[in-house]
């Protein structure tokens, strides 16, 4: 029992360190990821990871000193933190799904889902800012037009202006470093249309390239994190159950002089 709980505490510390590493990598190495996804999906892993590590050391303390009250507190906090992590992971998977759905929309003005409207408008702004800038693309082509024109690629003018004002050009740099691969040929999300960059110069092609990158790279990582969180959540539930059973056995011994283990009673000779 003690070995199981100790292993669980160490596993949680490693899990917390992994969450911090992922969040820190996105923040420091890829400025702009908080624009591709919701900002909370970038910063939440760091906050949850720190809390999990602190709580992991609390579990080690409880294991070393055999303090069941502290251990119950530790496991309870683990369950709460992992539940929060599962919610973040589920939201991340859903967000990646919205990226794919946005790319499949044929005509922006027909979009009824407000979340897809926002994402579609944001991606149109990114296309205009990154794919028509000489620093990121070697060719100039037609920009995304607003909804009042004949060939729109976004559907919210007011939202477009807000996104445009707060846009960080570092996001263009990030997208220029990300590639979709056909065999050994890599096509940058932002770059020269002649080599497949910026969706070969098409706003809809640009959306497809982002969706493909999300499905091929971000979705597997998000699903693996989510599965790991669910496994650890289940392990903590099991640990909590075992701890309560141990406590019940101890109370039974104090009352009757017998200890029950899996339905087998043994007399205790004092």
C-alpha atoms as a PDB file:
ATOM      1  CA  UNK A   1       0.000   0.000   0.000  1.00  0.00           C
ATOM      2  CA  UNK A   2       2.726   2.465   0.977  1.00  0.00           C
ATOM      3  CA  UNK A   3       4.759   1.551  -2.102  1.00  0.00           C
ATOM      4  CA  UNK A   4       1.721   2.138  -4.335  1.00  0.00           C
ATOM      5  CA  UNK A   5       0.989   5.543  -2.803  1.00  0.00           C
ATOM      6  CA  UNK A   6       4.652   6.533  -2.950  1.00  0.00           C
ATOM      7  CA  UNK A   7       4.858   5.536  -6.608  1.00  0.00           C
ATOM      8  CA  UNK A   8       1.676   7.491  -7.259  1.00  0.00           C
ATOM      9  CA  UNK A   9       3.171  10.630  -5.673  1.00  0.00           C
ATOM     10  CA  UNK A  10       6.366  10.361  -7.730  1.00  0.00           C
ATOM     11  CA  UNK A  11       4.297   9.800 -10.883  1.00  0.00           C
ATOM     12  CA  UNK A  12       2.323  12.960 -10.155  1.00  0.00           C
ATOM     13  CA  UNK A  13       5.534  14.986  -9.739  1.00  0.00           C
ATOM     14  CA  UNK A  14       6.793  13.727 -13.109  1.00  0.00           C
ATOM     15  CA  UNK A  15       3.407  14.483 -14.622  1.00  0.00           C
ATOM     16  CA  UNK A  16       3.493  18.010 -13.233  1.00  0.00           C
ATOM     17  CA  UNK A  17       6.995  18.536 -14.620  1.00  0.00           C
ATOM     18  CA  UNK A  18       5.799  17.366 -18.056  1.00  0.00           C
ATOM     19  CA  UNK A  19       2.889  19.811 -18.024  1.00  0.00           C
ATOM     20  CA  UNK A  20       5.197  22.682 -17.039  1.00  0.00           C
ATOM     21  CA  UNK A  21       7.680  21.700 -19.760  1.00  0.00           C
ATOM     22  CA  UNK A  22       4.956  21.638 -22.437  1.00  0.00           C
ATOM     23  CA  UNK A  23       3.467  24.967 -21.379  1.00  0.00           C
ATOM     24  CA  UNK A  24       6.872  26.644 -21.007  1.00  0.00           C
ATOM     25  CA  UNK A  25       8.007  25.366 -24.404  1.00  0.00           C
ATOM     26  CA  UNK A  26       4.933  26.801 -26.096  1.00  0.00           C
ATOM     27  CA  UNK A  27       5.300  30.135 -24.325  1.00  0.00           C
ATOM     28  CA  UNK A  28       9.057  30.670 -24.708  1.00  0.00           C
ATOM     29  CA  UNK A  29       9.884  28.879 -27.957  1.00  0.00           C
ATOM     30  CA  UNK A  30       6.738  29.495 -29.961  1.00  0.00           C
ATOM     31  CA  UNK A  31       5.339  32.901 -29.158  1.00  0.00           C
ATOM     32  CA  UNK A  32       1.926  33.032 -30.747  1.00  0.00           C
ATOM     33  CA  UNK A  33       0.594  29.570 -29.900  1.00  0.00           C
ATOM     34  CA  UNK A  34      -1.754  31.360 -27.512  1.00  0.00           C
ATOM     35  CA  UNK A  35      -3.181  32.999 -30.658  1.00  0.00           C
ATOM     36  CA  UNK A  36      -3.650  29.739 -32.567  1.00  0.00           C
ATOM     37  CA  UNK A  37      -5.456  28.260 -29.586  1.00  0.00           C
ATOM     38  CA  UNK A  38      -7.172  29.769 -26.570  1.00  0.00           C
ATOM     39  CA  UNK A  39      -4.616  31.420 -24.288  1.00  0.00           C
ATOM     40  CA  UNK A  40      -5.711  29.310 -21.332  1.00  0.00           C
ATOM     41  CA  UNK A  41      -4.674  26.175 -23.220  1.00  0.00           C
ATOM     42  CA  UNK A  42      -1.095  27.472 -23.204  1.00  0.00           C
ATOM     43  CA  UNK A  43      -0.868  28.820 -19.660  1.00  0.00           C
ATOM     44  CA  UNK A  44      -3.153  26.331 -17.883  1.00  0.00           C
ATOM     45  CA  UNK A  45      -0.647  23.414 -18.141  1.00  0.00           C
ATOM     46  CA  UNK A  46       1.985  25.539 -16.373  1.00  0.00           C
ATOM     47  CA  UNK A  47      -0.343  26.491 -13.505  1.00  0.00           C
ATOM     48  CA  UNK A  48      -1.750  22.967 -13.094  1.00  0.00           C
ATOM     49  CA  UNK A  49       1.742  21.452 -13.365  1.00  0.00           C
ATOM     50  CA  UNK A  50       3.099  23.615 -10.541  1.00  0.00           C
ATOM     51  CA  UNK A  51       0.160  22.692  -8.304  1.00  0.00           C
ATOM     52  CA  UNK A  52       0.590  18.979  -9.105  1.00  0.00           C
ATOM     53  CA  UNK A  53       4.312  19.056  -8.242  1.00  0.00           C
ATOM     54  CA  UNK A  54       3.704  20.797  -4.903  1.00  0.00           C
ATOM     55  CA  UNK A  55       0.967  18.303  -4.113  1.00  0.00           C
ATOM     56  CA  UNK A  56       3.237  15.431  -5.174  1.00  0.00           C
ATOM     57  CA  UNK A  57       5.796  16.386  -2.533  1.00  0.00           C
ATOM     58  CA  UNK A  58       2.935  16.538  -0.028  1.00  0.00           C
ATOM     59  CA  UNK A  59       2.163  12.934  -0.953  1.00  0.00           C
ATOM     60  CA  UNK A  60       5.791  11.894  -0.471  1.00  0.00           C
ATOM     61  CA  UNK A  61       5.753  13.493   2.984  1.00  0.00           C
ATOM     62  CA  UNK A  62       2.562  11.606   3.862  1.00  0.00           C
ATOM     63  CA  UNK A  63       4.078   8.342   2.587  1.00  0.00           C
ATOM     64  CA  UNK A  64       7.359   8.695   4.519  1.00  0.00           C
ATOM     65  CA  UNK A  65       5.661   9.610   7.792  1.00  0.00           C
ATOM     66  CA  UNK A  66       2.674   7.300   7.213  1.00  0.00           C
ATOM     67  CA  UNK A  67       0.215  10.142   7.784  1.00  0.00           C
ATOM     68  CA  UNK A  68      -3.138   8.995   6.425  1.00  0.00           C
ATOM     69  CA  UNK A  69      -4.876  12.347   6.948  1.00  0.00           C
ATOM     70  CA  UNK A  70      -2.275  14.167   4.850  1.00  0.00           C
ATOM     71  CA  UNK A  71      -2.384  11.359   2.290  1.00  0.00           C
ATOM     72  CA  UNK A  72      -6.156  11.704   1.977  1.00  0.00           C
ATOM     73  CA  UNK A  73      -5.701  15.453   1.469  1.00  0.00           C
ATOM     74  CA  UNK A  74      -3.012  14.744  -1.138  1.00  0.00           C
ATOM     75  CA  UNK A  75      -5.166  12.295  -3.091  1.00  0.00           C
ATOM     76  CA  UNK A  76      -8.197  14.588  -2.885  1.00  0.00           C
ATOM     77  CA  UNK A  77      -6.183  17.474  -4.330  1.00  0.00           C
ATOM     78  CA  UNK A  78      -4.793  15.144  -7.007  1.00  0.00           C
ATOM     79  CA  UNK A  79      -8.309  14.214  -8.075  1.00  0.00           C
ATOM     80  CA  UNK A  80      -9.338  17.880  -8.279  1.00  0.00           C
ATOM     81  CA  UNK A  81      -6.196  18.897 -10.206  1.00  0.00           C
ATOM     82  CA  UNK A  82      -6.424  15.979 -12.607  1.00  0.00           C
ATOM     83  CA  UNK A  83     -10.106  16.716 -13.188  1.00  0.00           C
ATOM     84  CA  UNK A  84      -9.081  20.265 -14.139  1.00  0.00           C
ATOM     85  CA  UNK A  85      -6.343  18.887 -16.415  1.00  0.00           C
ATOM     86  CA  UNK A  86      -8.844  16.515 -18.059  1.00  0.00           C
ATOM     87  CA  UNK A  87     -11.176  19.461 -18.710  1.00  0.00           C
ATOM     88  CA  UNK A  88      -8.305  21.423 -20.307  1.00  0.00           C
ATOM     89  CA  UNK A  89      -7.310  18.411 -22.395  1.00  0.00           C
ATOM     90  CA  UNK A  90     -10.890  17.830 -23.516  1.00  0.00           C
ATOM     91  CA  UNK A  91     -11.234  21.489 -24.466  1.00  0.00           C
ATOM     92  CA  UNK A  92      -7.974  21.311 -26.415  1.00  0.00           C
ATOM     93  CA  UNK A  93      -9.219  18.297 -28.390  1.00  0.00           C
ATOM     94  CA  UNK A  94     -12.493  20.132 -29.085  1.00  0.00           C
ATOM     95  CA  UNK A  95     -10.597  23.264 -30.159  1.00  0.00           C
ATOM     96  CA  UNK A  96      -8.543  21.259 -32.659  1.00  0.00           C
ATOM     97  CA  UNK A  97     -11.813  19.824 -33.957  1.00  0.00           C
ATOM     98  CA  UNK A  98     -13.095  23.358 -34.563  1.00  0.00           C
ATOM     99  CA  UNK A  99      -9.971  24.101 -36.625  1.00  0.00           C
ATOM    100  CA  UNK A 100     -10.814  21.157 -38.895  1.00  0.00           C
ATOM    101  CA  UNK A 101     -14.490  22.148 -39.138  1.00  0.00           C
ATOM    102  CA  UNK A 102     -13.535  25.716 -40.072  1.00  0.00           C
ATOM    103  CA  UNK A 103     -11.420  24.507 -43.001  1.00  0.00           C
ATOM    104  CA  UNK A 104     -14.351  22.492 -44.356  1.00  0.00           C
ATOM    105  CA  UNK A 105     -16.730  25.462 -44.547  1.00  0.00           C
ATOM    106  CA  UNK A 106     -17.343  26.291 -48.216  1.00  0.00           C
ATOM    107  CA  UNK A 107     -18.740  29.790 -47.815  1.00  0.00           C
ATOM    108  CA  UNK A 108     -17.979  31.874 -44.675  1.00  0.00           C
ATOM    109  CA  UNK A 109     -21.263  33.785 -44.623  1.00  0.00           C
ATOM    110  CA  UNK A 110     -23.155  30.513 -44.144  1.00  0.00           C
ATOM    111  CA  UNK A 111     -21.423  29.804 -40.824  1.00  0.00           C
ATOM    112  CA  UNK A 112     -23.909  29.755 -37.941  1.00  0.00           C
ATOM    113  CA  UNK A 113     -21.675  28.516 -35.105  1.00  0.00           C
ATOM    114  CA  UNK A 114     -20.217  31.571 -33.327  1.00  0.00           C
ATOM    115  CA  UNK A 115     -17.007  29.766 -32.358  1.00  0.00           C
ATOM    116  CA  UNK A 116     -16.302  28.796 -35.954  1.00  0.00           C
ATOM    117  CA  UNK A 117     -17.189  32.349 -37.028  1.00  0.00           C
ATOM    118  CA  UNK A 118     -14.533  33.714 -34.659  1.00  0.00           C
ATOM    119  CA  UNK A 119     -11.934  31.168 -35.708  1.00  0.00           C
ATOM    120  CA  UNK A 120     -12.647  31.689 -39.398  1.00  0.00           C
ATOM    121  CA  UNK A 121     -12.341  35.470 -39.025  1.00  0.00           C
ATOM    122  CA  UNK A 122      -9.115  35.128 -37.046  1.00  0.00           C
ATOM    123  CA  UNK A 123      -7.566  32.846 -39.659  1.00  0.00           C
ATOM    124  CA  UNK A 124      -8.545  35.310 -42.396  1.00  0.00           C
ATOM    125  CA  UNK A 125      -6.746  38.061 -40.484  1.00  0.00           C
ATOM    126  CA  UNK A 126      -3.659  35.848 -40.063  1.00  0.00           C
ATOM    127  CA  UNK A 127      -3.661  35.116 -43.798  1.00  0.00           C
ATOM    128  CA  UNK A 128      -3.745  38.828 -44.593  1.00  0.00           C
ATOM    129  CA  UNK A 129      -1.053  39.734 -42.062  1.00  0.00           C
ATOM    130  CA  UNK A 130       1.366  36.893 -42.744  1.00  0.00           C
ATOM    131  CA  UNK A 131       0.825  35.777 -46.313  1.00  0.00           C
ATOM    132  CA  UNK A 132       0.836  39.222 -47.913  1.00  0.00           C
ATOM    133  CA  UNK A 133       3.921  40.462 -46.073  1.00  0.00           C
ATOM    134  CA  UNK A 134       7.190  40.507 -48.010  1.00  0.00           C
ATOM    135  CA  UNK A 135       9.066  39.227 -44.957  1.00  0.00           C
ATOM    136  CA  UNK A 136       7.093  35.958 -44.911  1.00  0.00           C
ATOM    137  CA  UNK A 137       6.092  35.335 -48.503  1.00  0.00           C
ATOM    138  CA  UNK A 138       7.838  35.909 -51.823  1.00  0.00           C
ATOM    139  CA  UNK A 139       4.613  36.574 -53.712  1.00  0.00           C
ATOM    140  CA  UNK A 140       1.737  38.984 -53.356  1.00  0.00           C
ATOM    141  CA  UNK A 141      -1.795  37.805 -54.018  1.00  0.00           C
ATOM    142  CA  UNK A 142      -5.378  38.700 -53.280  1.00  0.00           C
ATOM    143  CA  UNK A 143      -6.098  39.320 -49.622  1.00  0.00           C
ATOM    144  CA  UNK A 144      -9.128  38.040 -47.726  1.00  0.00           C
ATOM    145  CA  UNK A 145     -12.029  40.338 -48.492  1.00  0.00           C
ATOM    146  CA  UNK A 146     -14.629  41.435 -45.929  1.00  0.00           C
ATOM    147  CA  UNK A 147     -18.164  39.971 -46.039  1.00  0.00           C
ATOM    148  CA  UNK A 148     -19.657  42.821 -48.086  1.00  0.00           C
ATOM    149  CA  UNK A 149     -17.646  41.847 -51.169  1.00  0.00           C
ATOM    150  CA  UNK A 150     -18.125  39.011 -53.619  1.00  0.00           C
ATOM    151  CA  UNK A 151     -15.272  36.747 -52.435  1.00  0.00           C
ATOM    152  CA  UNK A 152     -15.119  36.940 -48.624  1.00  0.00           C
ATOM    153  CA  UNK A 153     -13.003  34.584 -46.552  1.00  0.00           C
ATOM    154  CA  UNK A 154     -14.075  35.877 -43.132  1.00  0.00           C
ATOM    155  CA  UNK A 155     -17.422  36.912 -41.723  1.00  0.00           C
ATOM    156  CA  UNK A 156     -17.010  39.307 -38.780  1.00  0.00           C
ATOM    157  CA  UNK A 157     -15.649  42.773 -39.603  1.00  0.00           C
ATOM    158  CA  UNK A 158     -15.681  44.075 -36.008  1.00  0.00           C
ATOM    159  CA  UNK A 159     -13.943  40.949 -34.673  1.00  0.00           C
ATOM    160  CA  UNK A 160     -11.417  41.155 -37.518  1.00  0.00           C
ATOM    161  CA  UNK A 161     -10.423  44.677 -36.473  1.00  0.00           C
ATOM    162  CA  UNK A 162     -10.013  43.640 -32.840  1.00  0.00           C
ATOM    163  CA  UNK A 163      -7.867  40.637 -33.773  1.00  0.00           C
ATOM    164  CA  UNK A 164      -5.805  42.759 -36.154  1.00  0.00           C
ATOM    165  CA  UNK A 165      -5.038  45.406 -33.523  1.00  0.00           C
ATOM    166  CA  UNK A 166      -3.771  42.876 -31.010  1.00  0.00           C
ATOM    167  CA  UNK A 167      -1.926  40.631 -33.453  1.00  0.00           C
ATOM    168  CA  UNK A 168       1.687  39.668 -32.707  1.00  0.00           C
ATOM    169  CA  UNK A 169       3.828  39.299 -35.843  1.00  0.00           C
ATOM    170  CA  UNK A 170       5.777  36.648 -33.978  1.00  0.00           C
ATOM    171  CA  UNK A 171       2.907  34.312 -34.858  1.00  0.00           C
ATOM    172  CA  UNK A 172       3.894  34.609 -38.535  1.00  0.00           C
ATOM    173  CA  UNK A 173       7.404  33.540 -37.547  1.00  0.00           C
ATOM    174  CA  UNK A 174       5.967  30.545 -35.695  1.00  0.00           C
ATOM    175  CA  UNK A 175       3.862  29.453 -38.658  1.00  0.00           C
ATOM    176  CA  UNK A 176       6.823  29.833 -41.020  1.00  0.00           C
ATOM    177  CA  UNK A 177       8.692  27.221 -38.943  1.00  0.00           C
ATOM    178  CA  UNK A 178       5.838  24.684 -38.957  1.00  0.00           C
ATOM    179  CA  UNK A 179       5.545  22.331 -41.925  1.00  0.00           C
ATOM    180  CA  UNK A 180       3.192  19.770 -43.385  1.00  0.00           C
ATOM    181  CA  UNK A 181       5.050  16.939 -45.059  1.00  0.00           C
ATOM    182  CA  UNK A 182       4.299  14.930 -48.185  1.00  0.00           C
ATOM    183  CA  UNK A 183       7.006  12.333 -47.959  1.00  0.00           C
ATOM    184  CA  UNK A 184      10.252  14.252 -47.514  1.00  0.00           C
ATOM    185  CA  UNK A 185       8.825  17.491 -48.942  1.00  0.00           C
ATOM    186  CA  UNK A 186       7.905  20.035 -46.291  1.00  0.00           C
ATOM    187  CA  UNK A 187       5.448  22.839 -46.975  1.00  0.00           C
ATOM    188  CA  UNK A 188       5.500  25.723 -44.472  1.00  0.00           C
ATOM    189  CA  UNK A 189       2.201  26.996 -43.127  1.00  0.00           C
ATOM    190  CA  UNK A 190       3.448  30.498 -43.959  1.00  0.00           C
ATOM    191  CA  UNK A 191       5.949  30.975 -46.763  1.00  0.00           C
ATOM    192  CA  UNK A 192       6.481  31.110 -50.512  1.00  0.00           C
ATOM    193  CA  UNK A 193       3.329  29.877 -52.315  1.00  0.00           C
ATOM    194  CA  UNK A 194       5.567  28.415 -55.016  1.00  0.00           C
ATOM    195  CA  UNK A 195       6.645  25.707 -52.557  1.00  0.00           C
ATOM    196  CA  UNK A 196       3.220  25.280 -50.951  1.00  0.00           C
ATOM    197  CA  UNK A 197       3.407  28.010 -48.337  1.00  0.00           C
ATOM    198  CA  UNK A 198       0.246  29.894 -47.336  1.00  0.00           C
ATOM    199  CA  UNK A 199      -1.913  27.185 -48.853  1.00  0.00           C
ATOM    200  CA  UNK A 200      -0.407  27.858 -52.304  1.00  0.00           C
ATOM    201  CA  UNK A 201      -1.701  31.419 -52.011  1.00  0.00           C
ATOM    202  CA  UNK A 202      -5.318  30.559 -51.262  1.00  0.00           C
ATOM    203  CA  UNK A 203      -7.124  31.591 -48.028  1.00  0.00           C
ATOM    204  CA  UNK A 204      -9.032  28.296 -48.014  1.00  0.00           C
ATOM    205  CA  UNK A 205      -5.835  26.379 -48.793  1.00  0.00           C
ATOM    206  CA  UNK A 206      -4.217  28.176 -45.863  1.00  0.00           C
ATOM    207  CA  UNK A 207      -7.021  26.986 -43.585  1.00  0.00           C
ATOM    208  CA  UNK A 208      -6.614  23.430 -44.843  1.00  0.00           C
ATOM    209  CA  UNK A 209      -2.869  23.534 -44.150  1.00  0.00           C
ATOM    210  CA  UNK A 210      -3.492  24.697 -40.562  1.00  0.00           C
ATOM    211  CA  UNK A 211      -6.156  22.012 -40.073  1.00  0.00           C
ATOM    212  CA  UNK A 212      -3.864  19.308 -41.412  1.00  0.00           C
ATOM    213  CA  UNK A 213      -1.023  20.389 -39.150  1.00  0.00           C
ATOM    214  CA  UNK A 214      -3.371  20.396 -36.149  1.00  0.00           C
ATOM    215  CA  UNK A 215      -4.717  16.921 -36.970  1.00  0.00           C
ATOM    216  CA  UNK A 216      -1.295  15.398 -37.672  1.00  0.00           C
ATOM    217  CA  UNK A 217       0.726  16.966 -34.850  1.00  0.00           C
ATOM    218  CA  UNK A 218      -1.387  18.629 -32.191  1.00  0.00           C
ATOM    219  CA  UNK A 219      -4.279  16.155 -31.947  1.00  0.00           C
ATOM    220  CA  UNK A 220      -2.144  13.039 -31.180  1.00  0.00           C
ATOM    221  CA  UNK A 221      -0.279  14.971 -28.460  1.00  0.00           C
ATOM    222  CA  UNK A 222      -3.534  16.274 -26.982  1.00  0.00           C
ATOM    223  CA  UNK A 223      -5.101  12.793 -26.973  1.00  0.00           C
ATOM    224  CA  UNK A 224      -2.018  11.203 -25.364  1.00  0.00           C
ATOM    225  CA  UNK A 225      -2.021  13.835 -22.623  1.00  0.00           C
ATOM    226  CA  UNK A 226      -5.738  13.338 -22.065  1.00  0.00           C
ATOM    227  CA  UNK A 227      -5.404   9.541 -21.838  1.00  0.00           C
ATOM    228  CA  UNK A 228      -2.512   9.868 -19.358  1.00  0.00           C
ATOM    229  CA  UNK A 229      -4.553  12.244 -17.212  1.00  0.00           C
ATOM    230  CA  UNK A 230      -7.502   9.828 -17.188  1.00  0.00           C
ATOM    231  CA  UNK A 231      -5.206   6.935 -16.187  1.00  0.00           C
ATOM    232  CA  UNK A 232      -3.698   8.947 -13.320  1.00  0.00           C
ATOM    233  CA  UNK A 233      -7.159  10.106 -12.270  1.00  0.00           C
ATOM    234  CA  UNK A 234      -8.286   6.462 -12.085  1.00  0.00           C
ATOM    235  CA  UNK A 235      -5.125   5.501 -10.192  1.00  0.00           C
ATOM    236  CA  UNK A 236      -5.846   8.184  -7.598  1.00  0.00           C
ATOM    237  CA  UNK A 237      -9.424   6.954  -7.182  1.00  0.00           C
ATOM    238  CA  UNK A 238      -8.023   3.450  -6.569  1.00  0.00           C
ATOM    239  CA  UNK A 239      -5.488   4.845  -4.090  1.00  0.00           C
ATOM    240  CA  UNK A 240      -8.242   6.683  -2.234  1.00  0.00           C
ATOM    241  CA  UNK A 241     -10.337   3.489  -2.090  1.00  0.00           C
ATOM    242  CA  UNK A 242      -7.421   1.434  -0.761  1.00  0.00           C
ATOM    243  CA  UNK A 243      -6.654   4.077   1.847  1.00  0.00           C
ATOM    244  CA  UNK A 244     -10.231   4.079   3.127  1.00  0.00           C
ATOM    245  CA  UNK A 245     -10.235   0.264   3.270  1.00  0.00           C
ATOM    246  CA  UNK A 246      -7.008   0.326   5.252  1.00  0.00           C
ATOM    247  CA  UNK A 247      -8.489   2.863   7.631  1.00  0.00           C
ATOM    248  CA  UNK A 248     -11.629   0.747   8.072  1.00  0.00           C
ATOM    249  CA  UNK A 249      -9.486  -2.336   8.811  1.00  0.00           C
ATOM    250  CA  UNK A 250      -7.554  -0.394  11.424  1.00  0.00           C
ATOM    251  CA  UNK A 251     -10.737   0.805  13.097  1.00  0.00           C
ATOM    252  CA  UNK A 252     -12.103  -2.740  13.035  1.00  0.00           C
ATOM    253  CA  UNK A 253      -8.939  -4.035  14.711  1.00  0.00           C
ATOM    254  CA  UNK A 254      -9.177  -1.398  17.423  1.00  0.00           C
ATOM    255  CA  UNK A 255     -12.763  -2.432  18.130  1.00  0.00           C
ATOM    256  CA  UNK A 256     -12.642  -6.243  17.769  1.00  0.00           C
ATOM    257  CA  UNK A 257      -8.998  -7.286  17.894  1.00  0.00           C
ATOM    258  CA  UNK A 258      -9.367  -8.732  14.394  1.00  0.00           C
ATOM    259  CA  UNK A 259      -8.266  -7.389  11.040  1.00  0.00           C
ATOM    260  CA  UNK A 260     -10.188  -8.125   7.851  1.00  0.00           C
ATOM    261  CA  UNK A 261      -8.350  -8.536   4.568  1.00  0.00           C
ATOM    262  CA  UNK A 262     -10.360  -9.367   1.448  1.00  0.00           C
ATOM    263  CA  UNK A 263     -13.026 -11.114   3.501  1.00  0.00           C
ATOM    264  CA  UNK A 264     -10.564 -13.233   5.550  1.00  0.00           C
ATOM    265  CA  UNK A 265     -10.519 -12.598   9.290  1.00  0.00           C
ATOM    266  CA  UNK A 266      -7.431 -13.353  11.362  1.00  0.00           C
ATOM    267  CA  UNK A 267      -7.191 -13.294  15.146  1.00  0.00           C
ATOM    268  CA  UNK A 268      -4.506 -11.032  16.474  1.00  0.00           C
ATOM    269  CA  UNK A 269      -2.412 -12.498  19.231  1.00  0.00           C
ATOM    270  CA  UNK A 270      -1.196  -9.789  21.572  1.00  0.00           C
END
